[in-house]
Amino acid sequence: MNNHIQIEFGDISVEQSELLIAQLSAIGFAGFDEETNRLKAFIPEQDFDKMLFVRCVEPFHITYSEALIEEVNWNRVWESNFDPVIVSDFVAIRADFHEPITDVSLEIIITPKMSFGTGHHATTCMMIEQMQGLDFVGKSVFDFGTGTGVLAILAEKLGATKVIAADYDQWSIENATENFAKNNCIAIDLQFLDSANVDEPFDIILANINKNVILDNLRYFELQLSQQGVLFLSGILPGDEPDISEKCEECGLKLNSKVQRHNWLFFSVSHEKTKFLC
């Protein structure tokens, strides 16, 4: 049985919650449950490094509790808390235990497990909103850090003919596999990867991850992005912007637009006319 460690933080602000999610994501936490003034974070028991965790959260001076959660209880936790996500009249994301949502253009059904990317978080929501403005028809797409697979599913539903979805978390791979099947996806190639170095060209690259992973992989994104392609980045905090911008410039990438929501940033990036080696 795959047990998980649950860490619950109480009496925290929205800003503290978002910073904690960013920090904990970088050390292996893959599931988060946010409510007003409260955050629960989940990590597989075998991946939990207590000393690393303590060093990570110590600067926040926030009290927390720790509990062991058996896998059998996880679905019940999500089912009791997971509400459908509706992004204008564009797309609705729901679980299969919800009633169908008919007043949207597209509907995505996911099993809400440990993987990040249900659409509730600001970063995923911004990615979805910005995807609405892109032409995916006939395009090749790379969804790096796919999580639940929701962005890869949306890309196929929008007309992409080839989608590579990648993640390095085994729970995400299992969850995405299930979600691709639920949505009858046929164009998605799911790969277990800890690097974006797949040596293939893409018209659109989606990376809803975090600062460190973005910085480690920008060179690969630049090399694999088609000359007229677009790179969507999210999972970025305002304090990360200088480092991301500097690395983009080094790699010959330019920032086309920026969106901010709840202390999180979204970047749309493309090639500069003159490219440089990273």
C-alpha atoms as a PDB file:
ATOM      1  CA  MET A   1       0.000   0.000   0.000  1.00  0.00           C
ATOM      2  CA  ASN A   2       1.336   3.482  -0.927  1.00  0.00           C
ATOM      3  CA  ASN A   3       0.964   5.525   2.238  1.00  0.00           C
ATOM      4  CA  HIS A   4       1.448   9.293   2.269  1.00  0.00           C
ATOM      5  CA  ILE A   5       2.576  11.839   4.803  1.00  0.00           C
ATOM      6  CA  GLN A   6       0.102  14.671   5.317  1.00  0.00           C
ATOM      7  CA  ILE A   7       1.363  17.979   6.665  1.00  0.00           C
ATOM      8  CA  GLU A   8      -1.329  20.428   7.738  1.00  0.00           C
ATOM      9  CA  PHE A   9      -0.543  24.107   8.214  1.00  0.00           C
ATOM     10  CA  GLY A  10      -3.065  26.273  10.024  1.00  0.00           C
ATOM     11  CA  ASP A  11      -3.646  30.010  10.332  1.00  0.00           C
ATOM     12  CA  ILE A  12      -1.690  30.970   7.218  1.00  0.00           C
ATOM     13  CA  SER A  13      -2.220  33.711   4.644  1.00  0.00           C
ATOM     14  CA  VAL A  14      -2.782  33.211   0.928  1.00  0.00           C
ATOM     15  CA  GLU A  15       0.743  34.493   0.264  1.00  0.00           C
ATOM     16  CA  GLN A  16       2.272  32.070   2.771  1.00  0.00           C
ATOM     17  CA  SER A  17       0.276  29.191   1.300  1.00  0.00           C
ATOM     18  CA  GLU A  18       1.498  29.939  -2.214  1.00  0.00           C
ATOM     19  CA  LEU A  19       5.111  30.248  -1.098  1.00  0.00           C
ATOM     20  CA  LEU A  20       4.852  26.979   0.810  1.00  0.00           C
ATOM     21  CA  ILE A  21       3.424  25.180  -2.222  1.00  0.00           C
ATOM     22  CA  ALA A  22       6.330  26.403  -4.335  1.00  0.00           C
ATOM     23  CA  GLN A  23       8.920  25.366  -1.741  1.00  0.00           C
ATOM     24  CA  LEU A  24       7.356  21.987  -0.970  1.00  0.00           C
ATOM     25  CA  SER A  25       6.850  21.136  -4.644  1.00  0.00           C
ATOM     26  CA  ALA A  26      10.604  21.453  -5.084  1.00  0.00           C
ATOM     27  CA  ILE A  27      11.275  18.771  -2.429  1.00  0.00           C
ATOM     28  CA  GLY A  28       8.801  16.157  -3.637  1.00  0.00           C
ATOM     29  CA  PHE A  29       5.376  17.171  -2.348  1.00  0.00           C
ATOM     30  CA  ALA A  30       2.900  16.554  -5.172  1.00  0.00           C
ATOM     31  CA  GLY A  31      -0.568  17.011  -3.655  1.00  0.00           C
ATOM     32  CA  PHE A  32      -2.044  20.087  -2.026  1.00  0.00           C
ATOM     33  CA  ASP A  33      -5.451  20.899  -0.548  1.00  0.00           C
ATOM     34  CA  GLU A  34      -6.023  24.615   0.029  1.00  0.00           C
ATOM     35  CA  GLU A  35      -8.772  26.200   2.086  1.00  0.00           C
ATOM     36  CA  THR A  36      -9.105  29.562   3.814  1.00  0.00           C
ATOM     37  CA  ASN A  37      -6.197  29.996   6.245  1.00  0.00           C
ATOM     38  CA  ARG A  38      -5.245  26.316   5.887  1.00  0.00           C
ATOM     39  CA  LEU A  39      -3.040  24.157   3.693  1.00  0.00           C
ATOM     40  CA  LYS A  40      -2.573  20.393   3.543  1.00  0.00           C
ATOM     41  CA  ALA A  41       0.453  19.038   1.692  1.00  0.00           C
ATOM     42  CA  PHE A  42       1.009  15.386   0.751  1.00  0.00           C
ATOM     43  CA  ILE A  43       4.098  13.371  -0.121  1.00  0.00           C
ATOM     44  CA  PRO A  44       4.662   9.610  -0.543  1.00  0.00           C
ATOM     45  CA  GLU A  45       5.911   8.207   2.748  1.00  0.00           C
ATOM     46  CA  GLN A  46       9.047   6.743   1.146  1.00  0.00           C
ATOM     47  CA  ASP A  47       9.980  10.161  -0.330  1.00  0.00           C
ATOM     48  CA  PHE A  48       9.590  12.145   2.886  1.00  0.00           C
ATOM     49  CA  ASP A  49      12.883  13.565   4.176  1.00  0.00           C
ATOM     50  CA  LYS A  50      12.025  15.025   7.577  1.00  0.00           C
ATOM     51  CA  MET A  51      15.231  17.019   7.970  1.00  0.00           C
ATOM     52  CA  LEU A  52      14.896  18.535   4.496  1.00  0.00           C
ATOM     53  CA  PHE A  53      11.260  19.376   5.192  1.00  0.00           C
ATOM     54  CA  VAL A  54      12.097  21.101   8.480  1.00  0.00           C
ATOM     55  CA  ARG A  55      14.823  23.194   6.836  1.00  0.00           C
ATOM     56  CA  CYS A  56      12.322  24.160   4.123  1.00  0.00           C
ATOM     57  CA  VAL A  57       9.516  25.344   6.415  1.00  0.00           C
ATOM     58  CA  GLU A  58      11.550  26.696   9.330  1.00  0.00           C
ATOM     59  CA  PRO A  59      11.856  30.243   7.884  1.00  0.00           C
ATOM     60  CA  PHE A  60       8.048  30.527   7.760  1.00  0.00           C
ATOM     61  CA  HIS A  61       7.664  30.170  11.550  1.00  0.00           C
ATOM     62  CA  ILE A  62       4.338  28.398  11.025  1.00  0.00           C
ATOM     63  CA  THR A  63       2.955  25.609  13.170  1.00  0.00           C
ATOM     64  CA  TYR A  64       1.996  22.356  11.488  1.00  0.00           C
ATOM     65  CA  SER A  65       0.838  18.829  12.235  1.00  0.00           C
ATOM     66  CA  GLU A  66       1.984  15.597  10.632  1.00  0.00           C
ATOM     67  CA  ALA A  67      -0.115  12.501   9.935  1.00  0.00           C
ATOM     68  CA  LEU A  68       0.192   9.235   8.035  1.00  0.00           C
ATOM     69  CA  ILE A  69      -2.542   8.807   5.412  1.00  0.00           C
ATOM     70  CA  GLU A  70      -3.247   5.403   3.933  1.00  0.00           C
ATOM     71  CA  GLU A  71      -3.871   5.286   0.186  1.00  0.00           C
ATOM     72  CA  VAL A  72      -7.317   3.812   0.703  1.00  0.00           C
ATOM     73  CA  ASN A  73      -8.427   7.045   2.396  1.00  0.00           C
ATOM     74  CA  TRP A  74      -7.086   9.435  -0.227  1.00  0.00           C
ATOM     75  CA  ASN A  75      -9.920   9.237  -2.734  1.00  0.00           C
ATOM     76  CA  ARG A  76     -12.471   9.869  -0.006  1.00  0.00           C
ATOM     77  CA  VAL A  77     -10.559  12.991   1.041  1.00  0.00           C
ATOM     78  CA  TRP A  78     -10.548  14.342  -2.513  1.00  0.00           C
ATOM     79  CA  GLU A  79     -14.138  13.395  -3.275  1.00  0.00           C
ATOM     80  CA  SER A  80     -15.340  15.302  -0.239  1.00  0.00           C
ATOM     81  CA  ASN A  81     -13.384  18.447  -1.214  1.00  0.00           C
ATOM     82  CA  PHE A  82     -13.131  18.453  -5.005  1.00  0.00           C
ATOM     83  CA  ASP A  83     -15.546  20.803  -6.771  1.00  0.00           C
ATOM     84  CA  PRO A  84     -15.741  21.240 -10.546  1.00  0.00           C
ATOM     85  CA  VAL A  85     -13.577  23.975 -12.062  1.00  0.00           C
ATOM     86  CA  ILE A  86     -15.206  26.127 -14.731  1.00  0.00           C
ATOM     87  CA  VAL A  87     -13.065  28.519 -16.799  1.00  0.00           C
ATOM     88  CA  SER A  88     -15.588  30.968 -18.306  1.00  0.00           C
ATOM     89  CA  ASP A  89     -17.566  29.201 -21.037  1.00  0.00           C
ATOM     90  CA  PHE A  90     -14.380  27.584 -22.347  1.00  0.00           C
ATOM     91  CA  VAL A  91     -13.773  24.439 -20.322  1.00  0.00           C
ATOM     92  CA  ALA A  92     -15.063  22.623 -17.261  1.00  0.00           C
ATOM     93  CA  ILE A  93     -12.948  20.186 -15.253  1.00  0.00           C
ATOM     94  CA  ARG A  94     -14.860  17.718 -13.138  1.00  0.00           C
ATOM     95  CA  ALA A  95     -14.625  14.278 -11.608  1.00  0.00           C
ATOM     96  CA  ASP A  96     -16.717  11.424 -12.912  1.00  0.00           C
ATOM     97  CA  PHE A  97     -18.862  11.536  -9.758  1.00  0.00           C
ATOM     98  CA  HIS A  98     -20.056  15.052 -10.745  1.00  0.00           C
ATOM     99  CA  GLU A  99     -22.981  15.728 -13.026  1.00  0.00           C
ATOM    100  CA  PRO A 100     -22.058  16.703 -16.628  1.00  0.00           C
ATOM    101  CA  ILE A 101     -21.550  20.430 -17.230  1.00  0.00           C
ATOM    102  CA  THR A 102     -23.204  21.442 -20.479  1.00  0.00           C
ATOM    103  CA  ASP A 103     -22.777  25.213 -20.826  1.00  0.00           C
ATOM    104  CA  VAL A 104     -19.072  25.089 -21.763  1.00  0.00           C
ATOM    105  CA  SER A 105     -17.262  24.332 -25.022  1.00  0.00           C
ATOM    106  CA  LEU A 106     -15.152  21.509 -23.590  1.00  0.00           C
ATOM    107  CA  GLU A 107     -15.366  19.187 -20.620  1.00  0.00           C
ATOM    108  CA  ILE A 108     -12.483  17.302 -19.006  1.00  0.00           C
ATOM    109  CA  ILE A 109     -13.018  14.448 -16.569  1.00  0.00           C
ATOM    110  CA  ILE A 110     -10.251  13.635 -14.116  1.00  0.00           C
ATOM    111  CA  THR A 111      -9.803  11.386 -11.106  1.00  0.00           C
ATOM    112  CA  PRO A 112      -8.711  13.771  -8.361  1.00  0.00           C
ATOM    113  CA  LYS A 113      -5.839  11.984  -6.692  1.00  0.00           C
ATOM    114  CA  MET A 114      -2.427  13.146  -5.516  1.00  0.00           C
ATOM    115  CA  SER A 115      -1.275  14.732  -8.756  1.00  0.00           C
ATOM    116  CA  PHE A 116      -1.048  18.500  -9.136  1.00  0.00           C
ATOM    117  CA  GLY A 117      -3.208  20.160 -11.768  1.00  0.00           C
ATOM    118  CA  THR A 118      -6.915  19.898 -11.021  1.00  0.00           C
ATOM    119  CA  GLY A 119      -7.495  23.417 -12.319  1.00  0.00           C
ATOM    120  CA  HIS A 120      -8.176  24.881  -8.902  1.00  0.00           C
ATOM    121  CA  HIS A 121      -4.740  26.402  -8.504  1.00  0.00           C
ATOM    122  CA  ALA A 122      -4.025  29.805 -10.055  1.00  0.00           C
ATOM    123  CA  THR A 123      -1.128  28.471 -12.145  1.00  0.00           C
ATOM    124  CA  THR A 124      -3.202  25.773 -13.858  1.00  0.00           C
ATOM    125  CA  CYS A 125      -6.114  28.144 -14.342  1.00  0.00           C
ATOM    126  CA  MET A 126      -3.886  30.738 -16.024  1.00  0.00           C
ATOM    127  CA  MET A 127      -2.433  28.102 -18.341  1.00  0.00           C
ATOM    128  CA  ILE A 128      -5.928  27.006 -19.358  1.00  0.00           C
ATOM    129  CA  GLU A 129      -7.092  30.572 -19.946  1.00  0.00           C
ATOM    130  CA  GLN A 130      -4.094  31.351 -22.145  1.00  0.00           C
ATOM    131  CA  MET A 131      -4.456  28.096 -24.090  1.00  0.00           C
ATOM    132  CA  GLN A 132      -7.855  29.333 -25.225  1.00  0.00           C
ATOM    133  CA  GLY A 133      -6.149  31.957 -27.369  1.00  0.00           C
ATOM    134  CA  LEU A 134      -3.826  29.525 -29.195  1.00  0.00           C
ATOM    135  CA  ASP A 135      -4.474  27.537 -32.358  1.00  0.00           C
ATOM    136  CA  PHE A 136      -3.707  23.914 -31.471  1.00  0.00           C
ATOM    137  CA  VAL A 137      -5.117  22.365 -34.637  1.00  0.00           C
ATOM    138  CA  GLY A 138      -2.529  20.073 -36.228  1.00  0.00           C
ATOM    139  CA  LYS A 139       0.158  21.159 -33.756  1.00  0.00           C
ATOM    140  CA  SER A 140       2.737  19.156 -31.801  1.00  0.00           C
ATOM    141  CA  VAL A 141       2.699  19.823 -28.042  1.00  0.00           C
ATOM    142  CA  PHE A 142       5.010  19.034 -25.120  1.00  0.00           C
ATOM    143  CA  ASP A 143       3.394  19.127 -21.657  1.00  0.00           C
ATOM    144  CA  PHE A 144       6.343  18.939 -19.268  1.00  0.00           C
ATOM    145  CA  GLY A 145       5.311  18.215 -15.686  1.00  0.00           C
ATOM    146  CA  THR A 146       1.901  16.951 -16.739  1.00  0.00           C
ATOM    147  CA  GLY A 147       0.612  16.042 -13.253  1.00  0.00           C
ATOM    148  CA  THR A 148      -3.022  15.005 -13.689  1.00  0.00           C
ATOM    149  CA  GLY A 149      -2.583  15.397 -17.464  1.00  0.00           C
ATOM    150  CA  VAL A 150      -5.268  18.068 -17.692  1.00  0.00           C
ATOM    151  CA  LEU A 151      -3.270  20.400 -19.976  1.00  0.00           C
ATOM    152  CA  ALA A 152      -2.304  17.547 -22.303  1.00  0.00           C
ATOM    153  CA  ILE A 153      -5.950  16.472 -22.465  1.00  0.00           C
ATOM    154  CA  LEU A 154      -7.025  20.023 -23.253  1.00  0.00           C
ATOM    155  CA  ALA A 155      -4.361  20.289 -25.984  1.00  0.00           C
ATOM    156  CA  GLU A 156      -5.713  17.178 -27.704  1.00  0.00           C
ATOM    157  CA  LYS A 157      -9.313  18.367 -27.359  1.00  0.00           C
ATOM    158  CA  LEU A 158      -8.246  21.657 -28.994  1.00  0.00           C
ATOM    159  CA  GLY A 159      -6.922  19.783 -32.038  1.00  0.00           C
ATOM    160  CA  ALA A 160      -3.281  18.916 -31.345  1.00  0.00           C
ATOM    161  CA  THR A 161      -2.284  15.872 -33.393  1.00  0.00           C
ATOM    162  CA  LYS A 162       0.712  14.903 -31.265  1.00  0.00           C
ATOM    163  CA  VAL A 163       1.173  15.476 -27.531  1.00  0.00           C
ATOM    164  CA  ILE A 164       4.044  14.264 -25.383  1.00  0.00           C
ATOM    165  CA  ALA A 165       3.147  14.449 -21.694  1.00  0.00           C
ATOM    166  CA  ALA A 166       5.979  13.915 -19.227  1.00  0.00           C
ATOM    167  CA  ASP A 167       6.431  13.695 -15.469  1.00  0.00           C
ATOM    168  CA  TYR A 168       8.979  12.240 -13.053  1.00  0.00           C
ATOM    169  CA  ASP A 169       6.469  11.404 -10.290  1.00  0.00           C
ATOM    170  CA  GLN A 170       5.137   7.842 -10.490  1.00  0.00           C
ATOM    171  CA  TRP A 171       1.820   8.827  -8.906  1.00  0.00           C
ATOM    172  CA  SER A 172       1.329  11.439 -11.634  1.00  0.00           C
ATOM    173  CA  ILE A 173       2.108   8.888 -14.342  1.00  0.00           C
ATOM    174  CA  GLU A 174      -0.531   6.518 -12.941  1.00  0.00           C
ATOM    175  CA  ASN A 175      -3.076   9.310 -12.511  1.00  0.00           C
ATOM    176  CA  ALA A 176      -2.461  10.809 -15.967  1.00  0.00           C
ATOM    177  CA  THR A 177      -2.779   7.371 -17.570  1.00  0.00           C
ATOM    178  CA  GLU A 178      -6.181   6.947 -15.968  1.00  0.00           C
ATOM    179  CA  ASN A 179      -7.288  10.452 -16.932  1.00  0.00           C
ATOM    180  CA  PHE A 180      -6.206  10.043 -20.571  1.00  0.00           C
ATOM    181  CA  ALA A 181      -8.320   6.907 -20.763  1.00  0.00           C
ATOM    182  CA  LYS A 182     -11.324   8.634 -19.162  1.00  0.00           C
ATOM    183  CA  ASN A 183     -11.157  11.344 -21.832  1.00  0.00           C
ATOM    184  CA  ASN A 184     -10.649   8.915 -24.734  1.00  0.00           C
ATOM    185  CA  CYS A 185      -7.311  10.489 -25.667  1.00  0.00           C
ATOM    186  CA  ILE A 186      -5.469   8.901 -28.586  1.00  0.00           C
ATOM    187  CA  ALA A 187      -2.798  11.492 -29.453  1.00  0.00           C
ATOM    188  CA  ILE A 188      -0.938  11.595 -26.130  1.00  0.00           C
ATOM    189  CA  ASP A 189       2.369   9.804 -25.532  1.00  0.00           C
ATOM    190  CA  LEU A 190       2.962   9.675 -21.762  1.00  0.00           C
ATOM    191  CA  GLN A 191       6.623   9.431 -20.713  1.00  0.00           C
ATOM    192  CA  PHE A 192       8.378   9.095 -17.366  1.00  0.00           C
ATOM    193  CA  LEU A 193      11.069  11.807 -17.554  1.00  0.00           C
ATOM    194  CA  ASP A 194      12.992  14.003 -15.137  1.00  0.00           C
ATOM    195  CA  SER A 195      14.337  16.201 -17.934  1.00  0.00           C
ATOM    196  CA  ALA A 196      12.806  17.970 -20.923  1.00  0.00           C
ATOM    197  CA  ASN A 197      15.553  16.650 -23.208  1.00  0.00           C
ATOM    198  CA  VAL A 198      13.430  14.607 -25.631  1.00  0.00           C
ATOM    199  CA  ASP A 199      15.163  15.779 -28.837  1.00  0.00           C
ATOM    200  CA  GLU A 200      11.951  16.481 -30.762  1.00  0.00           C
ATOM    201  CA  PRO A 201      10.535  19.719 -32.203  1.00  0.00           C
ATOM    202  CA  PHE A 202       7.315  21.158 -30.778  1.00  0.00           C
ATOM    203  CA  ASP A 203       5.001  23.947 -31.865  1.00  0.00           C
ATOM    204  CA  ILE A 204       3.770  24.502 -28.309  1.00  0.00           C
ATOM    205  CA  ILE A 205       5.489  23.713 -25.003  1.00  0.00           C
ATOM    206  CA  LEU A 206       3.558  23.839 -21.720  1.00  0.00           C
ATOM    207  CA  ALA A 207       5.514  23.906 -18.448  1.00  0.00           C
ATOM    208  CA  ASN A 208       3.468  24.491 -15.309  1.00  0.00           C
ATOM    209  CA  ILE A 209       6.193  23.548 -12.830  1.00  0.00           C
ATOM    210  CA  ASN A 210       8.464  25.703 -10.618  1.00  0.00           C
ATOM    211  CA  LYS A 211      11.402  28.069 -10.900  1.00  0.00           C
ATOM    212  CA  ASN A 212      14.216  25.561 -10.408  1.00  0.00           C
ATOM    213  CA  VAL A 213      12.839  23.015 -12.869  1.00  0.00           C
ATOM    214  CA  ILE A 214      12.195  25.775 -15.419  1.00  0.00           C
ATOM    215  CA  LEU A 215      15.752  27.098 -15.086  1.00  0.00           C
ATOM    216  CA  ASP A 216      17.189  23.582 -15.424  1.00  0.00           C
ATOM    217  CA  ASN A 217      15.228  22.932 -18.623  1.00  0.00           C
ATOM    218  CA  LEU A 218      15.030  26.254 -20.486  1.00  0.00           C
ATOM    219  CA  ARG A 219      17.937  25.225 -22.697  1.00  0.00           C
ATOM    220  CA  TYR A 220      16.011  22.146 -23.826  1.00  0.00           C
ATOM    221  CA  PHE A 221      12.814  24.170 -24.325  1.00  0.00           C
ATOM    222  CA  GLU A 222      14.653  26.616 -26.568  1.00  0.00           C
ATOM    223  CA  LEU A 223      16.277  23.881 -28.641  1.00  0.00           C
ATOM    224  CA  GLN A 224      13.025  21.970 -29.118  1.00  0.00           C
ATOM    225  CA  LEU A 225      10.673  24.906 -29.694  1.00  0.00           C
ATOM    226  CA  SER A 226       9.907  25.423 -33.385  1.00  0.00           C
ATOM    227  CA  GLN A 227      10.968  28.787 -34.792  1.00  0.00           C
ATOM    228  CA  GLN A 228       7.401  30.086 -34.782  1.00  0.00           C
ATOM    229  CA  GLY A 229       6.446  28.183 -31.633  1.00  0.00           C
ATOM    230  CA  VAL A 230       5.315  29.386 -28.216  1.00  0.00           C
ATOM    231  CA  LEU A 231       6.387  28.356 -24.729  1.00  0.00           C
ATOM    232  CA  PHE A 232       3.959  28.768 -21.793  1.00  0.00           C
ATOM    233  CA  LEU A 233       5.558  28.925 -18.337  1.00  0.00           C
ATOM    234  CA  SER A 234       3.848  29.037 -14.951  1.00  0.00           C
ATOM    235  CA  GLY A 235       4.481  28.025 -11.355  1.00  0.00           C
ATOM    236  CA  ILE A 236       6.581  31.183 -11.043  1.00  0.00           C
ATOM    237  CA  LEU A 237       6.519  33.569  -8.072  1.00  0.00           C
ATOM    238  CA  PRO A 238       7.135  37.332  -8.548  1.00  0.00           C
ATOM    239  CA  GLY A 239      10.512  37.018  -6.840  1.00  0.00           C
ATOM    240  CA  ASP A 240      11.524  34.409  -9.438  1.00  0.00           C
ATOM    241  CA  GLU A 241      10.965  36.730 -12.397  1.00  0.00           C
ATOM    242  CA  PRO A 242      14.484  38.243 -12.613  1.00  0.00           C
ATOM    243  CA  ASP A 243      16.154  34.814 -12.722  1.00  0.00           C
ATOM    244  CA  ILE A 244      13.673  33.455 -15.270  1.00  0.00           C
ATOM    245  CA  SER A 245      13.975  36.559 -17.452  1.00  0.00           C
ATOM    246  CA  GLU A 246      17.775  36.469 -17.344  1.00  0.00           C
ATOM    247  CA  LYS A 247      17.894  32.788 -18.312  1.00  0.00           C
ATOM    248  CA  CYS A 248      15.397  33.343 -21.137  1.00  0.00           C
ATOM    249  CA  GLU A 249      17.600  36.114 -22.520  1.00  0.00           C
ATOM    250  CA  GLU A 250      20.670  33.866 -22.330  1.00  0.00           C
ATOM    251  CA  CYS A 251      18.794  31.224 -24.308  1.00  0.00           C
ATOM    252  CA  GLY A 252      17.607  33.607 -27.003  1.00  0.00           C
ATOM    253  CA  LEU A 253      14.005  33.603 -25.785  1.00  0.00           C
ATOM    254  CA  LYS A 254      11.809  36.677 -25.434  1.00  0.00           C
ATOM    255  CA  LEU A 255       8.886  37.385 -23.139  1.00  0.00           C
ATOM    256  CA  ASN A 256       5.728  38.122 -25.130  1.00  0.00           C
ATOM    257  CA  SER A 257       3.231  38.543 -22.296  1.00  0.00           C
ATOM    258  CA  LYS A 258       2.854  38.133 -18.557  1.00  0.00           C
ATOM    259  CA  VAL A 259      -0.175  37.468 -16.354  1.00  0.00           C
ATOM    260  CA  GLN A 260      -0.305  37.544 -12.563  1.00  0.00           C
ATOM    261  CA  ARG A 261      -2.888  35.942 -10.294  1.00  0.00           C
ATOM    262  CA  HIS A 262      -2.748  35.388  -6.523  1.00  0.00           C
ATOM    263  CA  ASN A 263       0.993  35.970  -6.356  1.00  0.00           C
ATOM    264  CA  TRP A 264       1.708  33.589  -9.231  1.00  0.00           C
ATOM    265  CA  LEU A 265       3.031  34.489 -12.688  1.00  0.00           C
ATOM    266  CA  PHE A 266       2.413  33.159 -16.180  1.00  0.00           C
ATOM    267  CA  PHE A 267       4.809  33.877 -19.078  1.00  0.00           C
ATOM    268  CA  SER A 268       4.303  33.445 -22.810  1.00  0.00           C
ATOM    269  CA  VAL A 269       7.717  33.079 -24.438  1.00  0.00           C
ATOM    270  CA  SER A 270       9.047  32.633 -27.985  1.00  0.00           C
ATOM    271  CA  HIS A 271      12.313  32.761 -29.909  1.00  0.00           C
ATOM    272  CA  GLU A 272      14.264  35.929 -30.362  1.00  0.00           C
ATOM    273  CA  LYS A 273      15.228  36.724 -33.948  1.00  0.00           C
ATOM    274  CA  THR A 274      18.859  36.028 -33.049  1.00  0.00           C
ATOM    275  CA  LYS A 275      19.457  32.884 -31.015  1.00  0.00           C
ATOM    276  CA  PHE A 276      22.285  32.343 -28.563  1.00  0.00           C
ATOM    277  CA  LEU A 277      23.760  29.215 -27.103  1.00  0.00           C
ATOM    278  CA  CYS A 278      22.784  28.510 -23.483  1.00  0.00           C
END
